[in-house]
């Protein structure tokens, strides 16, 4: 059931739930912070695939540093 609602949340909601700023998420995922800010208001299911595969494990809490 968790995974069904996960796709309907925005990147910003999931990022805040993990206690991360955009800059911290960008550093962990290895992308630019401007890229995270661009997709902050997208639902996670609408994020383009190369970026989604990098940030999804972090937002699920499976990957830290």
C-alpha atoms as a PDB file:
ATOM      1  CA  UNK A   1       0.000   0.000   0.000  1.00  0.00           C
ATOM      2  CA  UNK A   2       2.905   2.380   0.708  1.00  0.00           C
ATOM      3  CA  UNK A   3       4.184   2.262  -2.851  1.00  0.00           C
ATOM      4  CA  UNK A   4       0.799   3.119  -4.313  1.00  0.00           C
ATOM      5  CA  UNK A   5       0.624   6.472  -2.520  1.00  0.00           C
ATOM      6  CA  UNK A   6       4.342   7.149  -2.923  1.00  0.00           C
ATOM      7  CA  UNK A   7       3.949   8.044  -6.599  1.00  0.00           C
ATOM      8  CA  UNK A   8       1.245  10.607  -5.869  1.00  0.00           C
ATOM      9  CA  UNK A   9       3.383  12.697  -3.494  1.00  0.00           C
ATOM     10  CA  UNK A  10       5.494  15.619  -4.647  1.00  0.00           C
ATOM     11  CA  UNK A  11       9.266  15.556  -4.435  1.00  0.00           C
ATOM     12  CA  UNK A  12       9.118  18.404  -1.925  1.00  0.00           C
ATOM     13  CA  UNK A  13       6.747  16.491   0.393  1.00  0.00           C
ATOM     14  CA  UNK A  14       8.921  13.388   0.341  1.00  0.00           C
ATOM     15  CA  UNK A  15      12.106  15.412   0.746  1.00  0.00           C
ATOM     16  CA  UNK A  16      10.739  17.250   3.768  1.00  0.00           C
ATOM     17  CA  UNK A  17       9.535  13.980   5.299  1.00  0.00           C
ATOM     18  CA  UNK A  18      13.137  12.729   5.195  1.00  0.00           C
ATOM     19  CA  UNK A  19      14.344  16.027   6.700  1.00  0.00           C
ATOM     20  CA  UNK A  20      16.418  16.991   3.680  1.00  0.00           C
ATOM     21  CA  UNK A  21      16.952  20.308   1.978  1.00  0.00           C
ATOM     22  CA  UNK A  22      17.161  20.506  -1.806  1.00  0.00           C
ATOM     23  CA  UNK A  23      20.908  20.976  -1.580  1.00  0.00           C
ATOM     24  CA  UNK A  24      21.371  17.910   0.664  1.00  0.00           C
ATOM     25  CA  UNK A  25      19.241  15.725  -1.606  1.00  0.00           C
ATOM     26  CA  UNK A  26      21.240  16.907  -4.601  1.00  0.00           C
ATOM     27  CA  UNK A  27      24.525  16.048  -2.900  1.00  0.00           C
ATOM     28  CA  UNK A  28      23.353  12.562  -1.919  1.00  0.00           C
ATOM     29  CA  UNK A  29      21.898  11.816  -5.358  1.00  0.00           C
ATOM     30  CA  UNK A  30      24.838  13.338  -7.219  1.00  0.00           C
ATOM     31  CA  UNK A  31      22.900  15.918  -9.222  1.00  0.00           C
ATOM     32  CA  UNK A  32      22.757  19.710  -9.232  1.00  0.00           C
ATOM     33  CA  UNK A  33      20.613  21.464  -6.646  1.00  0.00           C
ATOM     34  CA  UNK A  34      18.965  23.488  -9.418  1.00  0.00           C
ATOM     35  CA  UNK A  35      17.739  20.219 -10.933  1.00  0.00           C
ATOM     36  CA  UNK A  36      16.065  19.268  -7.629  1.00  0.00           C
ATOM     37  CA  UNK A  37      14.455  22.703  -7.358  1.00  0.00           C
ATOM     38  CA  UNK A  38      13.062  22.337 -10.897  1.00  0.00           C
ATOM     39  CA  UNK A  39      11.253  19.095 -10.045  1.00  0.00           C
ATOM     40  CA  UNK A  40      10.325  20.000  -6.449  1.00  0.00           C
ATOM     41  CA  UNK A  41       6.642  20.464  -7.265  1.00  0.00           C
ATOM     42  CA  UNK A  42       6.380  17.448  -9.608  1.00  0.00           C
ATOM     43  CA  UNK A  43       4.753  14.279  -8.390  1.00  0.00           C
ATOM     44  CA  UNK A  44       7.400  11.590  -8.097  1.00  0.00           C
ATOM     45  CA  UNK A  45       5.720   9.539 -10.830  1.00  0.00           C
ATOM     46  CA  UNK A  46       6.117  12.483 -13.269  1.00  0.00           C
ATOM     47  CA  UNK A  47       9.837  13.061 -12.680  1.00  0.00           C
ATOM     48  CA  UNK A  48      11.950  12.163 -15.766  1.00  0.00           C
ATOM     49  CA  UNK A  49      13.474   8.686 -15.496  1.00  0.00           C
ATOM     50  CA  UNK A  50      17.241   9.314 -15.192  1.00  0.00           C
ATOM     51  CA  UNK A  51      16.647  11.691 -12.277  1.00  0.00           C
ATOM     52  CA  UNK A  52      13.884   9.593 -10.740  1.00  0.00           C
ATOM     53  CA  UNK A  53      16.108   6.532 -10.458  1.00  0.00           C
ATOM     54  CA  UNK A  54      18.713   8.602  -8.584  1.00  0.00           C
ATOM     55  CA  UNK A  55      16.443  10.327  -6.064  1.00  0.00           C
ATOM     56  CA  UNK A  56      13.808   7.658  -5.448  1.00  0.00           C
ATOM     57  CA  UNK A  57      15.939   5.455  -3.123  1.00  0.00           C
ATOM     58  CA  UNK A  58      16.900   8.521  -1.097  1.00  0.00           C
ATOM     59  CA  UNK A  59      13.289   9.650  -0.744  1.00  0.00           C
ATOM     60  CA  UNK A  60      12.215   6.160   0.284  1.00  0.00           C
ATOM     61  CA  UNK A  61      14.857   6.223   3.024  1.00  0.00           C
ATOM     62  CA  UNK A  62      16.933   3.354   1.665  1.00  0.00           C
ATOM     63  CA  UNK A  63      20.046   5.307   0.740  1.00  0.00           C
ATOM     64  CA  UNK A  64      21.823   7.829   2.923  1.00  0.00           C
ATOM     65  CA  UNK A  65      25.316   9.197   2.208  1.00  0.00           C
END
